């Protein structure tokens, strides 16, 4: 697994990069400017565009991973895996926050939380079977199959 060591050196650097991704997708991105002394200075945030939705692939690209698989492998076994798991949760929270905007979104959210829209009847395990059983007992001569069998 080859990764960019710059953003994975410390938990703080990785966390700041993730925070910058969420600022970036919101349409605000502080451009870096240099002062006369050559030091980096971050300009005031300005809204540059309407933004874009948070995605795992977008986050992985912004952080410098070369693929989603590389991102997910680091998320599973990397030194700062807990930070990437939290970032994934932020992406999921952004999607979940939009679900309430449509009835189908609400239904989907409730189903993922364990709700069920099907009616089910649960019978207790020890309940007796209330099925009606009917037995026909012959108590006399059998009925005739045709008129010729009838005796007068």
C-alpha atoms as a PDB file:
ATOM      1  CA  UNK A   1       0.000   0.000   0.000  1.00  0.00           C
ATOM      2  CA  UNK A   2       1.696   3.179  -1.193  1.00  0.00           C
ATOM      3  CA  UNK A   3       0.459   6.369   0.425  1.00  0.00           C
ATOM      4  CA  UNK A   4       1.483   9.996   0.526  1.00  0.00           C
ATOM      5  CA  UNK A   5       3.456  10.310   3.797  1.00  0.00           C
ATOM      6  CA  UNK A   6       2.786  14.061   4.129  1.00  0.00           C
ATOM      7  CA  UNK A   7      -0.828  13.859   5.216  1.00  0.00           C
ATOM      8  CA  UNK A   8      -0.434  10.647   7.190  1.00  0.00           C
ATOM      9  CA  UNK A   9       2.504  11.753   9.359  1.00  0.00           C
ATOM     10  CA  UNK A  10       0.435  12.949  12.274  1.00  0.00           C
ATOM     11  CA  UNK A  11      -3.166  12.690  13.326  1.00  0.00           C
ATOM     12  CA  UNK A  12      -3.382  16.485  13.466  1.00  0.00           C
ATOM     13  CA  UNK A  13      -2.274  16.975   9.864  1.00  0.00           C
ATOM     14  CA  UNK A  14      -4.733  14.337   8.630  1.00  0.00           C
ATOM     15  CA  UNK A  15      -7.572  15.863  10.646  1.00  0.00           C
ATOM     16  CA  UNK A  16      -6.857  19.336   9.245  1.00  0.00           C
ATOM     17  CA  UNK A  17      -6.799  17.970   5.676  1.00  0.00           C
ATOM     18  CA  UNK A  18     -10.171  16.276   6.246  1.00  0.00           C
ATOM     19  CA  UNK A  19     -11.618  19.499   7.669  1.00  0.00           C
ATOM     20  CA  UNK A  20     -10.337  21.383   4.609  1.00  0.00           C
ATOM     21  CA  UNK A  21     -12.108  18.859   2.347  1.00  0.00           C
ATOM     22  CA  UNK A  22     -15.440  19.643   3.984  1.00  0.00           C
ATOM     23  CA  UNK A  23     -14.764  23.377   3.667  1.00  0.00           C
ATOM     24  CA  UNK A  24     -13.813  22.835   0.015  1.00  0.00           C
ATOM     25  CA  UNK A  25     -16.979  20.913  -0.911  1.00  0.00           C
ATOM     26  CA  UNK A  26     -19.097  23.583   0.756  1.00  0.00           C
ATOM     27  CA  UNK A  27     -17.855  25.981  -1.900  1.00  0.00           C
ATOM     28  CA  UNK A  28     -15.515  27.806   0.421  1.00  0.00           C
ATOM     29  CA  UNK A  29     -11.819  27.261   0.092  1.00  0.00           C
ATOM     30  CA  UNK A  30      -9.217  29.520   1.603  1.00  0.00           C
ATOM     31  CA  UNK A  31      -6.579  30.137  -1.083  1.00  0.00           C
ATOM     32  CA  UNK A  32      -3.029  30.260   0.249  1.00  0.00           C
ATOM     33  CA  UNK A  33      -1.186  33.493  -0.368  1.00  0.00           C
ATOM     34  CA  UNK A  34       2.426  34.425   0.347  1.00  0.00           C
ATOM     35  CA  UNK A  35       3.374  37.523   2.295  1.00  0.00           C
ATOM     36  CA  UNK A  36       6.258  39.819   1.361  1.00  0.00           C
ATOM     37  CA  UNK A  37       8.493  37.822   3.708  1.00  0.00           C
ATOM     38  CA  UNK A  38       7.637  34.631   1.792  1.00  0.00           C
ATOM     39  CA  UNK A  39       5.571  33.065   4.574  1.00  0.00           C
ATOM     40  CA  UNK A  40       2.311  31.334   3.710  1.00  0.00           C
ATOM     41  CA  UNK A  41      -0.792  33.200   4.738  1.00  0.00           C
ATOM     42  CA  UNK A  42      -4.345  31.931   4.318  1.00  0.00           C
ATOM     43  CA  UNK A  43      -6.749  34.514   2.928  1.00  0.00           C
ATOM     44  CA  UNK A  44     -10.251  34.966   4.315  1.00  0.00           C
ATOM     45  CA  UNK A  45     -12.669  32.255   3.236  1.00  0.00           C
ATOM     46  CA  UNK A  46     -14.926  33.255   0.392  1.00  0.00           C
ATOM     47  CA  UNK A  47     -17.775  31.411  -1.258  1.00  0.00           C
ATOM     48  CA  UNK A  48     -16.391  30.477  -4.676  1.00  0.00           C
ATOM     49  CA  UNK A  49     -19.164  28.151  -5.945  1.00  0.00           C
ATOM     50  CA  UNK A  50     -22.302  26.410  -4.742  1.00  0.00           C
ATOM     51  CA  UNK A  51     -20.381  23.381  -3.542  1.00  0.00           C
ATOM     52  CA  UNK A  52     -20.686  19.676  -4.173  1.00  0.00           C
ATOM     53  CA  UNK A  53     -21.863  16.659  -2.169  1.00  0.00           C
ATOM     54  CA  UNK A  54     -19.489  14.852   0.155  1.00  0.00           C
ATOM     55  CA  UNK A  55     -18.275  11.544  -1.264  1.00  0.00           C
ATOM     56  CA  UNK A  56     -15.798   8.912  -0.173  1.00  0.00           C
ATOM     57  CA  UNK A  57     -14.064   9.044  -3.576  1.00  0.00           C
ATOM     58  CA  UNK A  58     -13.857  12.843  -3.388  1.00  0.00           C
ATOM     59  CA  UNK A  59     -12.408  12.659   0.116  1.00  0.00           C
ATOM     60  CA  UNK A  60      -9.857  10.046  -0.956  1.00  0.00           C
ATOM     61  CA  UNK A  61      -8.789  12.195  -3.927  1.00  0.00           C
ATOM     62  CA  UNK A  62      -8.548  15.339  -1.821  1.00  0.00           C
ATOM     63  CA  UNK A  63      -6.379  13.548   0.729  1.00  0.00           C
ATOM     64  CA  UNK A  64      -4.015  12.255  -1.946  1.00  0.00           C
ATOM     65  CA  UNK A  65      -4.918   8.582  -2.130  1.00  0.00           C
ATOM     66  CA  UNK A  66      -4.609   7.030  -5.579  1.00  0.00           C
ATOM     67  CA  UNK A  67      -7.761   4.886  -5.274  1.00  0.00           C
ATOM     68  CA  UNK A  68     -10.728   4.128  -3.058  1.00  0.00           C
ATOM     69  CA  UNK A  69      -9.188   0.721  -2.380  1.00  0.00           C
ATOM     70  CA  UNK A  70      -6.038   2.398  -1.015  1.00  0.00           C
ATOM     71  CA  UNK A  71      -8.212   4.666   1.158  1.00  0.00           C
ATOM     72  CA  UNK A  72     -10.230   1.703   2.472  1.00  0.00           C
ATOM     73  CA  UNK A  73      -7.105  -0.376   3.134  1.00  0.00           C
ATOM     74  CA  UNK A  74      -5.637   2.452   5.216  1.00  0.00           C
ATOM     75  CA  UNK A  75      -8.994   2.891   6.925  1.00  0.00           C
ATOM     76  CA  UNK A  76      -8.887  -0.787   7.947  1.00  0.00           C
ATOM     77  CA  UNK A  77      -5.277  -1.115   9.071  1.00  0.00           C
ATOM     78  CA  UNK A  78      -3.553   2.288   8.949  1.00  0.00           C
ATOM     79  CA  UNK A  79      -1.914   4.145  11.817  1.00  0.00           C
ATOM     80  CA  UNK A  80      -4.648   6.799  11.872  1.00  0.00           C
ATOM     81  CA  UNK A  81      -7.527   4.554  10.756  1.00  0.00           C
ATOM     82  CA  UNK A  82      -9.843   5.964  13.422  1.00  0.00           C
ATOM     83  CA  UNK A  83      -9.601   9.409  11.829  1.00  0.00           C
ATOM     84  CA  UNK A  84     -10.587   8.082   8.387  1.00  0.00           C
ATOM     85  CA  UNK A  85     -13.486   6.136   9.931  1.00  0.00           C
ATOM     86  CA  UNK A  86     -14.697   9.357  11.494  1.00  0.00           C
ATOM     87  CA  UNK A  87     -14.357  11.127   8.125  1.00  0.00           C
ATOM     88  CA  UNK A  88     -16.451   8.380   6.488  1.00  0.00           C
ATOM     89  CA  UNK A  89     -19.070   8.944   9.188  1.00  0.00           C
ATOM     90  CA  UNK A  90     -19.107  12.672   8.321  1.00  0.00           C
ATOM     91  CA  UNK A  91     -19.802  11.775   4.670  1.00  0.00           C
ATOM     92  CA  UNK A  92     -22.639   9.446   5.745  1.00  0.00           C
ATOM     93  CA  UNK A  93     -24.043  12.153   8.034  1.00  0.00           C
ATOM     94  CA  UNK A  94     -24.131  14.589   5.104  1.00  0.00           C
ATOM     95  CA  UNK A  95     -26.221  12.111   3.079  1.00  0.00           C
ATOM     96  CA  UNK A  96     -28.445  11.269   6.017  1.00  0.00           C
ATOM     97  CA  UNK A  97     -29.146  14.966   6.610  1.00  0.00           C
ATOM     98  CA  UNK A  98     -30.651  15.202   3.110  1.00  0.00           C
ATOM     99  CA  UNK A  99     -32.942  12.172   3.447  1.00  0.00           C
ATOM    100  CA  UNK A 100     -35.723  14.081   5.188  1.00  0.00           C
ATOM    101  CA  UNK A 101     -36.290  16.217   2.063  1.00  0.00           C
ATOM    102  CA  UNK A 102     -38.379  13.519   0.335  1.00  0.00           C
ATOM    103  CA  UNK A 103     -40.871  10.941   1.637  1.00  0.00           C
ATOM    104  CA  UNK A 104     -38.853   8.114   0.063  1.00  0.00           C
ATOM    105  CA  UNK A 105     -35.757   9.421   1.807  1.00  0.00           C
ATOM    106  CA  UNK A 106     -37.555   9.285   5.136  1.00  0.00           C
ATOM    107  CA  UNK A 107     -38.809   5.742   4.422  1.00  0.00           C
ATOM    108  CA  UNK A 108     -35.290   4.642   3.472  1.00  0.00           C
ATOM    109  CA  UNK A 109     -33.837   6.166   6.651  1.00  0.00           C
ATOM    110  CA  UNK A 110     -36.440   4.492   8.863  1.00  0.00           C
ATOM    111  CA  UNK A 111     -35.865   1.109   7.197  1.00  0.00           C
ATOM    112  CA  UNK A 112     -32.104   1.360   7.739  1.00  0.00           C
ATOM    113  CA  UNK A 113     -32.882   2.071  11.393  1.00  0.00           C
ATOM    114  CA  UNK A 114     -34.797  -1.213  11.641  1.00  0.00           C
ATOM    115  CA  UNK A 115     -38.366  -0.072  10.956  1.00  0.00           C
ATOM    116  CA  UNK A 116     -40.569  -2.392   8.909  1.00  0.00           C
ATOM    117  CA  UNK A 117     -43.534  -1.372   6.766  1.00  0.00           C
ATOM    118  CA  UNK A 118     -44.989  -4.895   6.524  1.00  0.00           C
ATOM    119  CA  UNK A 119     -47.669  -6.054   8.930  1.00  0.00           C
ATOM    120  CA  UNK A 120     -46.700  -9.256  10.701  1.00  0.00           C
ATOM    121  CA  UNK A 121     -48.562 -11.308  13.268  1.00  0.00           C
ATOM    122  CA  UNK A 122     -46.417 -12.962  15.866  1.00  0.00           C
ATOM    123  CA  UNK A 123     -47.930 -16.041  17.502  1.00  0.00           C
ATOM    124  CA  UNK A 124     -46.566 -17.082  20.857  1.00  0.00           C
ATOM    125  CA  UNK A 125     -44.634 -20.345  20.667  1.00  0.00           C
ATOM    126  CA  UNK A 126     -46.850 -22.154  23.227  1.00  0.00           C
ATOM    127  CA  UNK A 127     -50.174 -21.181  21.586  1.00  0.00           C
ATOM    128  CA  UNK A 128     -52.534 -24.084  20.802  1.00  0.00           C
ATOM    129  CA  UNK A 129     -53.661 -24.811  17.286  1.00  0.00           C
ATOM    130  CA  UNK A 130     -57.309 -23.705  16.850  1.00  0.00           C
ATOM    131  CA  UNK A 131     -57.872 -25.466  13.526  1.00  0.00           C
ATOM    132  CA  UNK A 132     -61.340 -26.984  13.075  1.00  0.00           C
ATOM    133  CA  UNK A 133     -61.097 -30.647  12.070  1.00  0.00           C
ATOM    134  CA  UNK A 134     -64.092 -32.340  10.406  1.00  0.00           C
ATOM    135  CA  UNK A 135     -64.477 -36.119  10.066  1.00  0.00           C
ATOM    136  CA  UNK A 136     -67.245 -37.696   7.992  1.00  0.00           C
ATOM    137  CA  UNK A 137     -68.516 -40.944   9.441  1.00  0.00           C
ATOM    138  CA  UNK A 138     -70.717 -43.233   7.374  1.00  0.00           C
ATOM    139  CA  UNK A 139     -73.758 -44.337   9.366  1.00  0.00           C
ATOM    140  CA  UNK A 140     -75.933 -46.079   6.921  1.00  0.00           C
ATOM    141  CA  UNK A 141     -76.101 -47.237   3.355  1.00  0.00           C
ATOM    142  CA  UNK A 142     -73.909 -45.424   0.879  1.00  0.00           C
ATOM    143  CA  UNK A 143     -75.650 -43.054  -1.488  1.00  0.00           C
ATOM    144  CA  UNK A 144     -76.540 -44.403  -4.919  1.00  0.00           C
ATOM    145  CA  UNK A 145     -74.219 -43.581  -7.791  1.00  0.00           C
ATOM    146  CA  UNK A 146     -77.093 -43.457 -10.362  1.00  0.00           C
ATOM    147  CA  UNK A 147     -80.906 -43.925 -10.637  1.00  0.00           C
ATOM    148  CA  UNK A 148     -80.524 -47.581 -11.615  1.00  0.00           C
ATOM    149  CA  UNK A 149     -79.003 -48.371  -8.209  1.00  0.00           C
ATOM    150  CA  UNK A 150     -81.984 -47.009  -6.307  1.00  0.00           C
ATOM    151  CA  UNK A 151     -84.145 -49.729  -4.721  1.00  0.00           C
ATOM    152  CA  UNK A 152     -87.850 -49.121  -4.069  1.00  0.00           C
END
